[in-house]
Amino acid sequence: QEHLIESGGGLVHPGDSLRISCTSSGPTLSHSNIGWFRQAPGKERDFVAGISHNAAYTHYADSVKGRFTISRDNAKNTVYLQMNSLIPEDTAVYYCRRSTYWGQGTQVTVSS
């Protein structure tokens, strides 16, 4: 049974960095393309970054290019999103997705 788990969110100041993680307690992630999405209050869920199963390809939303980096460690069954130079507009619940499956999300709040 699919069970994606995000972790690592928190409250940070503008300009800070944060790394969030996505793992699975079900099938391994190592054979799957994975995406990170985010949803701010009152807004739709938007794509943030994606990575192919072997990390050969990555893709980013324009709003995070140059600040966020998606990576994966298949030996640890984990996909990461390194977020640098955070701004208040990055505040959202961050979700990982595999195929049609979503995790429960992790809250990232950027505030002074």
Protein backbone atom coordinates (compact mmCIF):
# COMPACT_ATOMS: atom_id res chain seq x y z
CA GLN A 1 0.00 0.00 0.00
CA GLU A 2 1.26 3.41 -0.96
CA HIS A 3 2.28 5.63 1.93
CA LEU A 4 4.41 8.67 1.19
CA ILE A 5 5.82 10.53 4.16
CA GLU A 6 7.13 14.10 4.07
CA SER A 7 9.20 15.53 6.89
CA GLY A 8 11.55 18.38 7.76
CA GLY A 9 9.24 21.35 7.55
CA GLY A 10 9.29 24.16 10.08
CA LEU A 11 9.37 27.86 10.81
CA VAL A 12 12.33 29.77 9.38
CA HIS A 13 13.33 33.37 8.74
CA PRO A 14 13.64 34.95 5.30
CA GLY A 15 16.99 34.07 3.79
CA ASP A 16 17.27 30.82 5.73
CA SER A 17 17.62 27.33 4.30
CA LEU A 18 15.62 24.19 4.95
CA ARG A 19 15.71 20.64 3.61
CA ILE A 20 12.57 18.57 3.45
CA SER A 21 12.39 14.87 2.73
CA CYS A 22 10.01 12.38 1.17
CA THR A 23 10.15 8.67 1.80
CA SER A 24 7.82 5.71 1.47
CA SER A 25 6.76 3.10 3.95
CA GLY A 26 5.32 1.14 1.06
CA PRO A 27 6.90 0.41 -2.32
CA THR A 28 10.40 1.71 -2.87
CA LEU A 29 10.73 5.12 -4.48
CA SER A 30 13.82 4.15 -6.41
CA HIS A 31 12.01 3.19 -9.62
CA SER A 32 9.75 6.23 -9.74
CA ASN A 33 9.81 9.82 -10.89
CA ILE A 34 8.94 12.01 -7.92
CA GLY A 35 7.53 15.51 -7.75
CA TRP A 36 7.36 18.14 -5.05
CA PHE A 37 4.32 20.40 -4.95
CA ARG A 38 3.15 23.10 -2.57
CA GLN A 39 -0.12 24.65 -1.55
CA ALA A 40 -0.45 27.99 0.17
CA PRO A 41 -3.64 28.91 2.06
CA GLY A 42 -6.45 29.74 -0.33
CA LYS A 43 -4.40 28.79 -3.39
CA GLU A 44 -4.14 25.81 -5.69
CA ARG A 45 -1.49 23.14 -5.32
CA ASP A 46 1.41 24.03 -7.61
CA PHE A 47 4.35 22.12 -9.01
CA VAL A 48 7.71 22.97 -7.43
CA ALA A 49 10.27 20.45 -8.66
CA GLY A 50 10.55 16.99 -10.17
CA ILE A 51 13.23 14.36 -10.49
CA SER A 52 13.48 11.25 -12.64
CA HIS A 53 13.93 7.81 -11.09
CA ASN A 54 17.68 7.81 -11.69
CA ALA A 55 18.17 11.54 -11.01
CA ALA A 56 19.27 12.09 -14.59
CA TYR A 57 16.60 14.73 -15.09
CA THR A 58 15.30 17.48 -12.86
CA HIS A 59 12.81 20.24 -13.49
CA TYR A 60 11.85 23.32 -11.50
CA ALA A 61 9.13 25.91 -11.37
CA ASP A 62 10.40 29.32 -12.40
CA SER A 63 9.64 30.69 -8.95
CA VAL A 64 12.21 28.42 -7.29
CA LYS A 65 14.91 28.04 -9.94
CA GLY A 66 18.32 28.84 -8.55
CA ARG A 67 17.09 28.57 -4.95
CA PHE A 68 15.72 25.04 -4.61
CA THR A 69 17.44 21.77 -5.46
CA ILE A 70 15.73 18.40 -5.74
CA SER A 71 17.81 15.28 -5.20
CA ARG A 72 17.42 11.66 -4.22
CA ASP A 73 19.21 8.90 -2.43
CA ASN A 74 17.72 5.67 -3.68
CA ALA A 75 19.73 3.64 -1.19
CA LYS A 76 17.87 5.53 1.55
CA ASN A 77 14.58 5.47 -0.35
CA THR A 78 14.37 9.24 0.04
CA VAL A 79 13.87 12.28 -2.15
CA TYR A 80 14.97 15.67 -0.85
CA LEU A 81 14.13 19.27 -1.55
CA GLN A 82 16.87 21.67 -0.47
CA MET A 83 15.42 25.15 -0.16
CA ASN A 84 17.78 28.12 0.07
CA SER A 85 17.18 31.87 0.23
CA LEU A 86 13.66 31.28 1.46
CA ILE A 87 11.15 34.09 1.14
CA PRO A 88 7.72 34.53 2.74
CA GLU A 89 6.09 33.57 -0.55
CA ASP A 90 7.52 30.07 -0.11
CA THR A 91 5.22 29.52 2.85
CA ALA A 92 3.01 26.53 2.08
CA VAL A 93 2.33 22.91 2.79
CA TYR A 94 4.78 20.90 0.72
CA TYR A 95 3.73 17.56 -0.72
CA CYS A 96 5.57 14.84 -2.58
CA ARG A 97 3.86 12.83 -5.25
CA ARG A 98 4.46 9.54 -7.00
CA SER A 99 2.07 8.83 -9.84
CA THR A 100 -1.37 9.54 -8.37
CA TYR A 101 -0.25 9.15 -4.75
CA TRP A 102 0.36 12.04 -2.37
CA GLY A 103 1.87 12.31 1.07
CA GLN A 104 0.23 14.12 3.95
CA GLY A 105 2.41 17.20 3.52
CA THR A 106 4.85 19.14 5.67
CA GLN A 107 4.35 22.78 6.63
CA VAL A 108 7.02 25.31 5.71
CA THR A 109 6.58 28.79 7.13
CA VAL A 110 8.91 31.65 6.25
CA SER A 111 8.39 34.64 8.49
CA SER A 112 10.38 37.31 10.26
